[in-house]
Amino acid sequence: MDATTDSTDSCAGPFAECVLCREPTEYPESYKGVTLCPVCEWHEAQRTACSG
């Protein structure tokens, strides 16, 4: 249960915007790198999985 508590604590506060659709993501604003919302992450995974 400690892992759940830690992940909840780290996700508290304002969330970063998705770089594609500007919706809130699951990442805090302090996250470094590309941030995608769950929907855009799913679409990106589908694009990269089928690009082979």
N, C-alpha and C. Protein backbone atom coordinates (compact mmCIF):
# COMPACT_ATOMS: atom_id res chain seq x y z
N MET A 1 0.81 -1.20 0.00
CA MET A 1 0.00 0.00 0.00
C MET A 1 0.84 1.26 0.00
N ASP A 2 2.08 1.15 0.41
CA ASP A 2 2.95 2.32 0.41
C ASP A 2 3.17 2.85 -0.99
N ALA A 3 3.29 1.97 -1.97
CA ALA A 3 3.51 2.41 -3.35
C ALA A 3 2.32 3.21 -3.85
N THR A 4 1.10 2.79 -3.49
CA THR A 4 -0.09 3.52 -3.90
C THR A 4 -0.10 4.90 -3.26
N THR A 5 0.24 4.97 -2.00
CA THR A 5 0.28 6.25 -1.30
C THR A 5 1.32 7.16 -1.92
N ASP A 6 2.50 6.62 -2.24
CA ASP A 6 3.56 7.43 -2.85
C ASP A 6 3.14 7.96 -4.20
N SER A 7 2.51 7.13 -5.05
CA SER A 7 2.11 7.58 -6.38
C SER A 7 1.00 8.62 -6.29
N THR A 8 0.11 8.49 -5.32
CA THR A 8 -0.95 9.47 -5.14
C THR A 8 -0.36 10.80 -4.70
N ASP A 9 0.60 10.76 -3.78
CA ASP A 9 1.22 11.98 -3.32
C ASP A 9 1.97 12.69 -4.43
N SER A 10 2.65 11.96 -5.29
CA SER A 10 3.43 12.57 -6.36
C SER A 10 2.54 13.13 -7.47
N CYS A 11 1.29 12.68 -7.56
CA CYS A 11 0.38 13.14 -8.61
C CYS A 11 -0.51 14.27 -8.13
N ALA A 12 -0.39 14.67 -6.88
CA ALA A 12 -1.21 15.75 -6.37
C ALA A 12 -0.73 17.08 -6.95
N GLY A 13 -1.67 17.98 -7.15
CA GLY A 13 -1.30 19.30 -7.64
C GLY A 13 -1.66 19.49 -9.10
N PRO A 14 -1.24 20.60 -9.68
CA PRO A 14 -1.58 20.88 -11.08
C PRO A 14 -0.90 19.90 -12.03
N PHE A 15 -1.58 19.57 -13.09
CA PHE A 15 -1.06 18.61 -14.06
C PHE A 15 -0.59 19.33 -15.32
N ALA A 16 0.40 18.73 -15.98
CA ALA A 16 0.92 19.28 -17.23
C ALA A 16 -0.12 19.11 -18.33
N GLU A 17 -0.05 19.95 -19.34
CA GLU A 17 -0.96 19.84 -20.49
C GLU A 17 -0.39 18.89 -21.52
N CYS A 18 -1.26 18.19 -22.23
CA CYS A 18 -0.85 17.33 -23.34
C CYS A 18 -0.28 18.22 -24.45
N VAL A 19 0.82 17.81 -25.03
CA VAL A 19 1.45 18.63 -26.08
C VAL A 19 0.67 18.58 -27.39
N LEU A 20 -0.25 17.63 -27.52
CA LEU A 20 -1.02 17.52 -28.76
C LEU A 20 -2.40 18.17 -28.66
N CYS A 21 -3.14 17.87 -27.58
CA CYS A 21 -4.53 18.34 -27.50
C CYS A 21 -4.77 19.33 -26.36
N ARG A 22 -3.76 19.60 -25.55
CA ARG A 22 -3.83 20.56 -24.44
C ARG A 22 -4.73 20.12 -23.28
N GLU A 23 -5.15 18.85 -23.26
CA GLU A 23 -5.92 18.32 -22.13
C GLU A 23 -4.97 18.03 -20.97
N PRO A 24 -5.48 17.97 -19.74
CA PRO A 24 -4.61 17.62 -18.60
C PRO A 24 -4.08 16.20 -18.73
N THR A 25 -2.86 15.98 -18.30
CA THR A 25 -2.25 14.66 -18.35
C THR A 25 -2.19 14.07 -16.95
N GLU A 26 -1.58 12.91 -16.82
CA GLU A 26 -1.39 12.29 -15.52
C GLU A 26 -0.06 12.71 -14.90
N TYR A 27 0.67 13.60 -15.56
CA TYR A 27 1.99 14.03 -15.12
C TYR A 27 1.90 15.38 -14.41
N PRO A 28 2.70 15.60 -13.37
CA PRO A 28 2.71 16.92 -12.71
C PRO A 28 3.34 17.96 -13.64
N GLU A 29 3.08 19.22 -13.39
CA GLU A 29 3.65 20.30 -14.22
C GLU A 29 5.17 20.29 -14.20
N SER A 30 5.76 19.76 -13.15
CA SER A 30 7.23 19.74 -13.04
C SER A 30 7.87 18.62 -13.85
N TYR A 31 7.08 17.75 -14.51
CA TYR A 31 7.60 16.63 -15.29
C TYR A 31 8.39 17.15 -16.48
N LYS A 32 9.58 16.60 -16.68
CA LYS A 32 10.43 16.99 -17.81
C LYS A 32 10.18 16.03 -18.96
N GLY A 33 10.05 16.55 -20.16
CA GLY A 33 9.86 15.72 -21.34
C GLY A 33 8.48 15.91 -21.94
N VAL A 34 8.18 15.09 -22.94
CA VAL A 34 6.91 15.17 -23.64
C VAL A 34 5.81 14.61 -22.76
N THR A 35 4.72 15.36 -22.61
CA THR A 35 3.59 14.90 -21.82
C THR A 35 2.39 14.72 -22.73
N LEU A 36 1.80 13.55 -22.67
CA LEU A 36 0.61 13.23 -23.45
C LEU A 36 -0.50 12.78 -22.52
N CYS A 37 -1.75 13.13 -22.86
CA CYS A 37 -2.88 12.65 -22.09
C CYS A 37 -3.07 11.16 -22.41
N PRO A 38 -3.86 10.43 -21.61
CA PRO A 38 -4.04 9.00 -21.86
C PRO A 38 -4.54 8.68 -23.27
N VAL A 39 -5.43 9.50 -23.81
CA VAL A 39 -5.97 9.26 -25.16
C VAL A 39 -4.87 9.41 -26.21
N CYS A 40 -4.10 10.49 -26.13
CA CYS A 40 -3.02 10.72 -27.10
C CYS A 40 -1.91 9.69 -26.94
N GLU A 41 -1.63 9.25 -25.70
CA GLU A 41 -0.64 8.19 -25.48
C GLU A 41 -1.09 6.92 -26.18
N TRP A 42 -2.38 6.60 -26.09
CA TRP A 42 -2.91 5.40 -26.73
C TRP A 42 -2.80 5.51 -28.25
N HIS A 43 -3.17 6.66 -28.80
CA HIS A 43 -3.06 6.87 -30.25
C HIS A 43 -1.61 6.77 -30.72
N GLU A 44 -0.70 7.35 -29.96
CA GLU A 44 0.73 7.28 -30.31
C GLU A 44 1.23 5.85 -30.28
N ALA A 45 0.80 5.08 -29.29
CA ALA A 45 1.20 3.68 -29.21
C ALA A 45 0.67 2.90 -30.40
N GLN A 46 -0.55 3.20 -30.83
CA GLN A 46 -1.12 2.52 -32.00
C GLN A 46 -0.34 2.86 -33.27
N ARG A 47 0.04 4.15 -33.42
CA ARG A 47 0.79 4.57 -34.60
C ARG A 47 2.15 3.88 -34.66
N THR A 48 2.85 3.84 -33.53
CA THR A 48 4.19 3.25 -33.53
C THR A 48 4.14 1.74 -33.65
N ALA A 49 3.10 1.10 -33.14
CA ALA A 49 2.98 -0.35 -33.22
C ALA A 49 2.72 -0.81 -34.65
N CYS A 50 2.02 0.01 -35.42
CA CYS A 50 1.63 -0.38 -36.78
C CYS A 50 2.56 0.22 -37.84
N SER A 51 3.62 0.87 -37.45
CA SER A 51 4.48 1.53 -38.43
C SER A 51 5.50 0.60 -39.07
N GLY A 52 5.59 -0.63 -38.58
CA GLY A 52 6.60 -1.57 -39.03
C GLY A 52 6.35 -2.12 -40.36
